């Protein structure tokens, strides 16, 4: 039995260049060609607890400088995500920085 911890139900992927992986979110595990989904035990990562921020999964609605609202998410094991253009290009933004600073001071 192969165990994989991740946010999403695992999938098996065969690459044309060779190699087979079981994948759940950002977790990739190389497996033998004979492995099927019935050989895999999924451990949903949302059951994890206790992290440095005091929560496992959190979502906020934040207002940007132009008044537009963005969704900011934090998920243990996956990190931060924001729906703004800055994050989509740079993988960081002031919305996340502000939320991190707010939680650091609380």
Protein backbone atom coordinates (compact mmCIF):
# COMPACT_ATOMS: atom_id res chain seq x y z
CA UNK A 1 0.00 0.00 0.00
CA UNK A 2 1.36 3.40 -1.00
CA UNK A 3 0.31 6.34 1.17
CA UNK A 4 0.09 9.86 -0.19
CA UNK A 5 -0.84 12.96 1.77
CA UNK A 6 -2.32 15.82 -0.19
CA UNK A 7 -5.18 18.21 -0.65
CA UNK A 8 -6.67 16.43 -3.69
CA UNK A 9 -7.59 12.85 -4.44
CA UNK A 10 -4.59 11.18 -6.04
CA UNK A 11 -4.24 10.45 -9.74
CA UNK A 12 -1.85 8.20 -11.63
CA UNK A 13 0.10 9.83 -14.45
CA UNK A 14 2.19 8.04 -17.07
CA UNK A 15 4.65 10.29 -18.89
CA UNK A 16 5.48 9.61 -22.56
CA UNK A 17 9.17 10.03 -21.76
CA UNK A 18 8.89 7.32 -19.12
CA UNK A 19 7.93 7.20 -15.49
CA UNK A 20 4.71 6.82 -13.59
CA UNK A 21 3.71 8.98 -10.65
CA UNK A 22 0.91 9.16 -8.14
CA UNK A 23 0.08 12.85 -7.68
CA UNK A 24 -1.96 14.74 -5.09
CA UNK A 25 -1.61 18.51 -5.38
CA UNK A 26 2.10 19.31 -5.22
CA UNK A 27 3.04 15.84 -3.90
CA UNK A 28 4.48 13.52 -6.54
CA UNK A 29 5.60 9.97 -5.77
CA UNK A 30 7.26 7.77 -8.43
CA UNK A 31 5.60 4.34 -8.60
CA UNK A 32 5.99 1.08 -10.48
CA UNK A 33 4.03 0.54 -13.70
CA UNK A 34 1.93 -2.17 -12.01
CA UNK A 35 0.51 0.22 -9.37
CA UNK A 36 -3.21 1.03 -9.65
CA UNK A 37 -5.36 3.53 -7.73
CA UNK A 38 -6.60 0.69 -5.52
CA UNK A 39 -2.98 0.31 -4.29
CA UNK A 40 -2.93 3.90 -3.02
CA UNK A 41 -4.15 5.20 0.33
CA UNK A 42 -4.98 8.91 0.27
CA UNK A 43 -4.54 10.87 3.49
CA UNK A 44 -6.33 14.21 3.02
CA UNK A 45 -4.01 17.00 4.12
CA UNK A 46 -6.91 19.06 5.48
CA UNK A 47 -6.86 16.71 8.49
CA UNK A 48 -3.45 18.02 9.52
CA UNK A 49 -3.31 20.46 12.43
CA UNK A 50 -1.00 22.83 14.27
CA UNK A 51 1.18 25.07 12.20
CA UNK A 52 3.16 28.20 12.77
CA UNK A 53 0.21 30.49 12.00
CA UNK A 54 -2.17 28.69 14.35
CA UNK A 55 -4.48 27.50 11.58
CA UNK A 56 -4.37 24.93 8.83
CA UNK A 57 -6.51 26.45 6.11
CA UNK A 58 -7.80 29.97 5.97
CA UNK A 59 -9.33 32.29 3.40
CA UNK A 60 -9.74 36.07 3.47
CA UNK A 61 -11.37 38.70 1.28
CA UNK A 62 -9.08 41.73 1.11
CA UNK A 63 -9.61 45.08 -0.54
CA UNK A 64 -6.85 46.27 -2.88
CA UNK A 65 -5.64 49.84 -3.31
CA UNK A 66 -8.15 50.44 -6.12
CA UNK A 67 -11.05 49.07 -4.07
CA UNK A 68 -11.21 45.73 -5.87
CA UNK A 69 -11.64 42.67 -3.62
CA UNK A 70 -9.23 39.73 -3.83
CA UNK A 71 -9.32 36.30 -2.25
CA UNK A 72 -6.19 35.39 -0.29
CA UNK A 73 -5.72 31.80 0.91
CA UNK A 74 -3.26 30.03 3.15
CA UNK A 75 -2.99 26.26 3.25
CA UNK A 76 -0.45 24.37 5.32
CA UNK A 77 1.88 22.46 3.07
CA UNK A 78 0.96 24.57 0.05
CA UNK A 79 1.54 28.10 1.30
CA UNK A 80 -0.07 31.36 0.26
CA UNK A 81 -2.15 32.24 -2.79
CA UNK A 82 -3.81 35.49 -3.92
CA UNK A 83 -6.17 36.20 -6.79
CA UNK A 84 -4.45 39.46 -7.76
CA UNK A 85 -2.36 39.98 -10.91
CA UNK A 86 0.78 40.69 -8.89
CA UNK A 87 0.67 37.22 -7.36
CA UNK A 88 -0.04 35.56 -10.70
CA UNK A 89 3.16 37.09 -12.14
CA UNK A 90 5.53 37.21 -9.12
CA UNK A 91 4.08 34.62 -6.70
CA UNK A 92 4.05 37.32 -4.01
CA UNK A 93 1.97 40.43 -3.37
CA UNK A 94 1.24 43.13 -0.81
CA UNK A 95 -2.06 41.46 0.16
CA UNK A 96 -0.23 38.37 1.41
CA UNK A 97 2.56 40.44 2.98
CA UNK A 98 -0.01 42.49 4.91
CA UNK A 99 -1.86 39.37 6.16
CA UNK A 100 1.39 37.70 7.25
CA UNK A 101 2.40 40.85 9.15
CA UNK A 102 -1.03 41.06 10.78
CA UNK A 103 -0.81 37.44 12.02
CA UNK A 104 2.78 37.85 13.16
CA UNK A 105 1.77 40.71 15.44
CA UNK A 106 -1.30 38.97 16.92
